[in-house]
N, C-alpha and C. Protein backbone atom coordinates (compact mmCIF):
# COMPACT_ATOMS: atom_id res chain seq x y z
N UNK A 1 -29.05 33.02 -3.41
CA UNK A 1 -29.22 31.72 -2.81
C UNK A 1 -28.00 30.84 -3.05
N UNK A 2 -27.38 30.97 -4.24
CA UNK A 2 -26.22 30.14 -4.50
C UNK A 2 -25.04 30.51 -3.63
N UNK A 3 -24.98 31.77 -3.17
CA UNK A 3 -23.85 32.17 -2.33
C UNK A 3 -23.90 31.47 -0.97
N UNK A 4 -25.10 31.23 -0.46
CA UNK A 4 -25.23 30.50 0.81
C UNK A 4 -24.73 29.08 0.64
N UNK A 5 -25.06 28.45 -0.46
CA UNK A 5 -24.62 27.10 -0.73
C UNK A 5 -23.11 27.05 -0.90
N UNK A 6 -22.55 28.04 -1.58
CA UNK A 6 -21.10 28.08 -1.79
C UNK A 6 -20.36 28.28 -0.47
N UNK A 7 -20.91 29.11 0.41
CA UNK A 7 -20.28 29.33 1.71
C UNK A 7 -20.34 28.06 2.54
N UNK A 8 -21.49 27.39 2.54
CA UNK A 8 -21.62 26.15 3.31
C UNK A 8 -20.67 25.08 2.77
N UNK A 9 -20.64 24.89 1.46
CA UNK A 9 -19.76 23.89 0.87
C UNK A 9 -18.29 24.24 1.11
N UNK A 10 -17.96 25.52 0.96
CA UNK A 10 -16.59 25.95 1.20
C UNK A 10 -16.16 25.71 2.64
N UNK A 11 -17.05 26.01 3.57
CA UNK A 11 -16.73 25.78 4.98
C UNK A 11 -16.57 24.29 5.28
N UNK A 12 -17.45 23.48 4.73
CA UNK A 12 -17.38 22.04 4.96
C UNK A 12 -16.09 21.45 4.38
N UNK A 13 -15.78 21.81 3.14
CA UNK A 13 -14.56 21.30 2.52
C UNK A 13 -13.31 21.80 3.24
N UNK A 14 -13.27 23.07 3.58
CA UNK A 14 -12.09 23.64 4.23
C UNK A 14 -11.89 23.05 5.62
N UNK A 15 -12.96 22.90 6.38
CA UNK A 15 -12.83 22.31 7.71
C UNK A 15 -12.40 20.85 7.65
N UNK A 16 -12.97 20.09 6.71
CA UNK A 16 -12.57 18.69 6.58
C UNK A 16 -11.12 18.58 6.13
N UNK A 17 -10.71 19.39 5.16
CA UNK A 17 -9.33 19.34 4.69
C UNK A 17 -8.35 19.72 5.78
N UNK A 18 -8.64 20.77 6.52
CA UNK A 18 -7.76 21.20 7.60
C UNK A 18 -7.70 20.15 8.70
N UNK A 19 -8.85 19.58 9.06
CA UNK A 19 -8.87 18.55 10.09
C UNK A 19 -8.10 17.31 9.65
N UNK A 20 -8.22 16.94 8.39
CA UNK A 20 -7.50 15.77 7.88
C UNK A 20 -6.00 16.02 7.90
N UNK A 21 -5.57 17.23 7.56
CA UNK A 21 -4.15 17.54 7.60
C UNK A 21 -3.61 17.56 9.04
N UNK A 22 -4.37 18.12 9.96
CA UNK A 22 -3.95 18.15 11.36
C UNK A 22 -3.88 16.73 11.92
N UNK A 23 -4.88 15.92 11.63
CA UNK A 23 -4.91 14.54 12.12
C UNK A 23 -3.76 13.72 11.54
N UNK A 24 -3.51 13.89 10.25
CA UNK A 24 -2.42 13.15 9.61
C UNK A 24 -1.08 13.58 10.20
N UNK A 25 -0.92 14.87 10.41
CA UNK A 25 0.32 15.36 11.01
C UNK A 25 0.52 14.84 12.42
N UNK A 26 -0.54 14.81 13.21
CA UNK A 26 -0.44 14.31 14.58
C UNK A 26 -0.09 12.82 14.60
N UNK A 27 -0.70 12.05 13.69
CA UNK A 27 -0.40 10.62 13.63
C UNK A 27 1.03 10.38 13.16
N UNK A 28 1.49 11.20 12.23
CA UNK A 28 2.85 11.04 11.70
C UNK A 28 3.90 11.39 12.75
N UNK A 29 3.67 12.46 13.50
CA UNK A 29 4.62 12.87 14.53
C UNK A 29 4.74 11.79 15.60
N UNK A 30 3.63 11.16 15.94
CA UNK A 30 3.65 10.11 16.97
C UNK A 30 4.06 8.75 16.42
N UNK A 31 4.35 8.71 15.12
CA UNK A 31 4.71 7.48 14.42
C UNK A 31 3.64 6.40 14.56
N UNK A 32 2.41 6.85 14.60
CA UNK A 32 1.25 5.95 14.63
C UNK A 32 0.77 5.75 13.20
N UNK A 33 0.15 4.62 12.91
CA UNK A 33 -0.32 4.41 11.54
C UNK A 33 -1.48 5.35 11.20
N UNK A 34 -1.46 5.86 10.00
CA UNK A 34 -2.53 6.72 9.53
C UNK A 34 -3.73 5.87 9.15
N UNK A 35 -3.47 4.72 8.53
CA UNK A 35 -4.52 3.76 8.18
C UNK A 35 -3.99 2.36 8.49
N UNK A 36 -4.80 1.57 9.11
CA UNK A 36 -4.38 0.21 9.47
C UNK A 36 -4.38 -0.70 8.25
N UNK A 37 -3.35 -1.52 8.15
CA UNK A 37 -3.28 -2.50 7.08
C UNK A 37 -2.80 -1.95 5.75
N UNK A 38 -2.26 -0.73 5.75
CA UNK A 38 -1.79 -0.10 4.53
C UNK A 38 -0.36 0.36 4.77
N UNK A 39 0.39 0.49 3.71
CA UNK A 39 1.76 1.00 3.83
C UNK A 39 1.75 2.37 4.51
N UNK A 40 2.60 2.56 5.52
CA UNK A 40 2.62 3.86 6.21
C UNK A 40 2.92 5.04 5.29
N UNK A 41 3.82 4.84 4.36
CA UNK A 41 4.17 5.94 3.46
C UNK A 41 3.00 6.25 2.52
N UNK A 42 2.39 5.22 1.97
CA UNK A 42 1.28 5.43 1.04
C UNK A 42 0.09 6.09 1.74
N UNK A 43 -0.23 5.64 2.95
CA UNK A 43 -1.37 6.21 3.65
C UNK A 43 -1.11 7.66 4.05
N UNK A 44 0.11 7.98 4.45
CA UNK A 44 0.43 9.36 4.81
C UNK A 44 0.38 10.27 3.59
N UNK A 45 0.94 9.80 2.49
CA UNK A 45 0.93 10.61 1.26
C UNK A 45 -0.49 10.83 0.77
N UNK A 46 -1.30 9.78 0.74
CA UNK A 46 -2.67 9.92 0.25
C UNK A 46 -3.52 10.80 1.17
N UNK A 47 -3.37 10.63 2.48
CA UNK A 47 -4.13 11.46 3.41
C UNK A 47 -3.73 12.93 3.27
N UNK A 48 -2.44 13.20 3.12
CA UNK A 48 -1.98 14.57 2.93
C UNK A 48 -2.49 15.14 1.62
N UNK A 49 -2.42 14.34 0.56
CA UNK A 49 -2.89 14.79 -0.74
C UNK A 49 -4.38 15.14 -0.70
N UNK A 50 -5.19 14.28 -0.10
CA UNK A 50 -6.62 14.56 -0.03
C UNK A 50 -6.93 15.71 0.92
N UNK A 51 -6.16 15.87 1.99
CA UNK A 51 -6.34 17.03 2.86
C UNK A 51 -6.11 18.34 2.13
N UNK A 52 -5.03 18.39 1.36
CA UNK A 52 -4.73 19.59 0.58
C UNK A 52 -5.79 19.80 -0.49
N UNK A 53 -6.21 18.72 -1.13
CA UNK A 53 -7.24 18.82 -2.17
C UNK A 53 -8.54 19.39 -1.63
N UNK A 54 -8.99 18.90 -0.48
CA UNK A 54 -10.23 19.40 0.11
C UNK A 54 -10.07 20.85 0.59
N UNK A 55 -8.90 21.20 1.09
CA UNK A 55 -8.66 22.57 1.51
C UNK A 55 -8.69 23.52 0.31
N UNK A 56 -8.07 23.13 -0.78
CA UNK A 56 -8.09 23.95 -2.00
C UNK A 56 -9.50 24.04 -2.56
N UNK A 57 -10.25 22.94 -2.52
CA UNK A 57 -11.63 22.96 -3.00
C UNK A 57 -12.49 23.90 -2.15
N UNK A 58 -12.26 23.92 -0.84
CA UNK A 58 -12.99 24.85 0.02
C UNK A 58 -12.67 26.30 -0.30
N UNK A 59 -11.40 26.60 -0.53
CA UNK A 59 -11.02 27.96 -0.90
C UNK A 59 -11.61 28.33 -2.25
N UNK A 60 -11.63 27.39 -3.18
CA UNK A 60 -12.23 27.65 -4.48
C UNK A 60 -13.73 27.97 -4.34
N UNK A 61 -14.42 27.25 -3.47
CA UNK A 61 -15.84 27.54 -3.24
C UNK A 61 -16.04 28.93 -2.68
N UNK A 62 -15.13 29.36 -1.79
CA UNK A 62 -15.24 30.71 -1.24
C UNK A 62 -15.02 31.78 -2.30
N UNK A 63 -14.23 31.48 -3.31
CA UNK A 63 -14.01 32.48 -4.37
C UNK A 63 -15.22 32.61 -5.28
N UNK A 64 -16.14 31.66 -5.22
CA UNK A 64 -17.35 31.69 -6.06
C UNK A 64 -18.50 32.44 -5.43
N UNK A 65 -18.28 33.00 -4.24
CA UNK A 65 -19.35 33.70 -3.54
C UNK A 65 -19.65 35.00 -4.21
C-alpha cells in the first residue's frame, strides 16, 4: 500500500517540479516577470531552486517504491 502512495507523491512532485522549471524558463526567455512585484533575479532563482527541489523530491519518492 505504501508503494502506491510513494508513486502518487513522486509523480505529483516530479510533475510540479518539471512544470515549474518549464514555466520559469519560458518566462525568462521572453523576459517576462516570473513573479510580479519582486526582483526579477530573486524570483527566477527561487523558482528554479524550488523546481529542482520538487523534481529531486519526486525522484527520491520513486526510489522508495
